[in-house]
Amino acid sequence: MPLLFDDDGRFLREVHLFLLDRLVRRKGASRSVHTLWAYADDLSVWWSFLDANEARWDEIHDAVIHDFVAVLTSAVSPITGRKYAPATILRRVHTVLMFYEWASGEGCARVHGNVTRWGPSRFVNAD
C-alpha cells in the first residue's frame, strides 16, 4: 500500500484512507495493486500542485481543477521527457475527482459547486 507525504513531510492520512477504501471496499479494477499505485501517483502530483499553489486540500472549486489541468497541459513528464498525453491528464483529474467524491462523503473535504458531478471530461479535452 503506497504511503504519501506532503512537501513538508506530513503523512497524508486522508489519501491513505481513500486508497485503503479503494482496496478493501471496492470491487474490480480498484483492487489491482497497479491501479492503487496509479491513484497514489496521481494524488501525489495533485498534492504537489496544491503545495506549489498554497491551496487548501480540504476545499475544492472548479477553478482549482482548471488550474491543475492547465499546469498538466503545459508540463513535461519526468519519465518520458514529453508533454503529458490528454488521456494521462484525464486519468489524473478523474482520480482527483474520485478522491473528492470520497472525501466529501466522509466529511473531511468540502466540494464547492458541481466539481465532482459531471466527471473529468468537462475539465479535459481528451481528443
Protein backbone atom coordinates (compact mmCIF):
# COMPACT_ATOMS: atom_id res chain seq x y z
CA MET A 1 0.00 0.00 0.00
CA PRO A 2 1.58 3.29 -1.04
CA LEU A 3 2.05 5.97 1.63
CA LEU A 4 2.06 9.63 0.65
CA PHE A 5 3.52 12.65 2.40
CA ASP A 6 3.20 16.33 1.53
CA ASP A 7 6.16 18.56 0.70
CA ASP A 8 6.64 19.27 4.42
CA GLY A 9 6.81 15.55 5.26
CA ARG A 10 3.33 15.30 6.78
CA PHE A 11 1.57 11.97 6.28
CA LEU A 12 -1.47 12.38 4.00
CA ARG A 13 -3.91 10.44 6.17
CA GLU A 14 -6.97 11.11 4.03
CA VAL A 15 -5.22 9.90 0.88
CA HIS A 16 -4.20 6.73 2.69
CA LEU A 17 -7.79 6.18 3.87
CA PHE A 18 -9.07 6.75 0.31
CA LEU A 19 -6.60 4.20 -1.08
CA LEU A 20 -7.50 1.76 1.67
CA ASP A 21 -11.19 2.25 0.88
CA ARG A 22 -10.49 1.52 -2.78
CA LEU A 23 -8.56 -1.61 -1.88
CA VAL A 24 -10.90 -3.06 0.74
CA ARG A 25 -14.42 -1.92 -0.07
CA ARG A 26 -14.42 -1.55 -3.84
CA LYS A 27 -14.53 -4.38 -6.34
CA GLY A 28 -12.98 -4.66 -9.77
CA ALA A 29 -10.06 -2.61 -11.08
CA SER A 30 -9.67 -0.62 -7.88
CA ARG A 31 -8.40 -3.75 -6.13
CA SER A 32 -5.47 -4.01 -8.53
CA VAL A 33 -2.14 -3.07 -6.99
CA HIS A 34 -1.24 -1.24 -10.21
CA THR A 35 -4.43 0.81 -10.04
CA LEU A 36 -3.72 1.78 -6.42
CA TRP A 37 -0.21 2.87 -7.34
CA ALA A 38 -1.62 4.91 -10.24
CA TYR A 39 -4.10 6.58 -7.86
CA ALA A 40 -1.27 7.28 -5.42
CA ASP A 41 0.88 8.77 -8.18
CA ASP A 42 -2.00 10.93 -9.43
CA LEU A 43 -2.74 12.20 -5.92
CA SER A 44 0.96 12.84 -5.29
CA VAL A 45 1.03 15.09 -8.36
CA TRP A 46 -2.18 16.76 -7.12
CA TRP A 47 -0.70 17.40 -3.66
CA SER A 48 2.47 18.85 -5.20
CA PHE A 49 0.25 21.17 -7.25
CA LEU A 50 -1.67 22.20 -4.12
CA ASP A 51 1.56 22.81 -2.18
CA ALA A 52 3.09 24.83 -5.03
CA ASN A 53 -0.02 27.00 -5.21
CA GLU A 54 -0.53 27.22 -1.43
CA ALA A 55 -4.04 25.84 -1.92
CA ARG A 56 -6.06 24.02 0.70
CA TRP A 57 -6.69 20.35 0.05
CA ASP A 58 -9.92 20.22 2.07
CA GLU A 59 -11.88 22.63 -0.12
CA ILE A 60 -12.18 22.24 -3.87
CA HIS A 61 -13.55 24.58 -6.54
CA ASP A 62 -13.84 24.30 -10.33
CA ALA A 63 -11.16 26.96 -10.77
CA VAL A 64 -8.56 24.88 -8.92
CA ILE A 65 -9.23 21.87 -11.16
CA HIS A 66 -8.98 24.10 -14.25
CA ASP A 67 -5.64 25.45 -12.97
CA PHE A 68 -4.42 21.88 -12.37
CA VAL A 69 -5.35 20.91 -15.93
CA ALA A 70 -3.54 23.99 -17.27
CA VAL A 71 -0.39 23.03 -15.37
CA LEU A 72 -0.56 19.41 -16.57
CA THR A 73 -1.21 20.52 -20.15
CA SER A 74 1.99 22.55 -20.21
CA ALA A 75 4.08 20.13 -18.10
CA VAL A 76 6.63 17.64 -19.33
CA SER A 77 6.71 14.12 -17.92
CA PRO A 78 9.90 13.50 -15.96
CA ILE A 79 9.79 9.90 -17.17
CA THR A 80 9.24 10.34 -20.93
CA GLY A 81 10.50 13.89 -21.42
CA ARG A 82 7.36 14.63 -23.43
CA LYS A 83 4.20 16.55 -22.69
CA TYR A 84 1.51 14.58 -20.92
CA ALA A 85 -0.99 12.89 -23.23
CA PRO A 86 -4.59 14.05 -22.89
CA ALA A 87 -5.53 10.55 -21.65
CA THR A 88 -2.98 10.85 -18.82
CA ILE A 89 -4.35 14.24 -17.83
CA LEU A 90 -7.87 12.85 -17.94
CA ARG A 91 -6.87 9.95 -15.69
CA ARG A 92 -5.17 12.26 -13.17
CA VAL A 93 -8.21 14.54 -13.00
CA HIS A 94 -10.52 11.54 -12.69
CA THR A 95 -8.52 10.28 -9.71
CA VAL A 96 -8.66 13.71 -8.04
CA LEU A 97 -12.43 13.88 -8.57
CA MET A 98 -12.89 10.36 -7.17
CA PHE A 99 -10.85 11.37 -4.12
CA TYR A 100 -13.02 14.43 -3.53
CA GLU A 101 -16.22 12.49 -4.01
CA TRP A 102 -15.00 10.07 -1.35
CA ALA A 103 -13.64 12.83 0.93
CA SER A 104 -16.85 14.85 0.82
CA GLY A 105 -18.84 11.71 1.61
CA GLU A 106 -16.58 11.08 4.59
CA GLY A 107 -16.99 14.70 5.75
CA CYS A 108 -13.31 15.59 5.52
CA ALA A 109 -13.47 17.88 2.47
CA ARG A 110 -15.88 20.45 1.14
CA VAL A 111 -16.73 20.40 -2.55
CA HIS A 112 -17.94 23.73 -3.93
CA GLY A 113 -20.25 23.79 -6.93
CA ASN A 114 -20.50 20.80 -9.24
CA VAL A 115 -16.86 19.76 -9.26
CA THR A 116 -17.46 16.02 -8.93
CA ARG A 117 -20.84 15.75 -10.68
CA TRP A 118 -20.03 15.51 -14.39
CA GLY A 119 -16.67 13.81 -14.41
CA PRO A 120 -13.25 14.78 -15.69
CA SER A 121 -14.18 15.26 -19.34
CA ARG A 122 -15.72 18.63 -18.54
CA PHE A 123 -12.24 19.80 -17.49
CA VAL A 124 -10.10 17.93 -20.03
CA ASN A 125 -10.40 17.69 -23.80
CA ALA A 126 -9.12 14.16 -24.41
CA ASP A 127 -9.46 14.13 -28.19
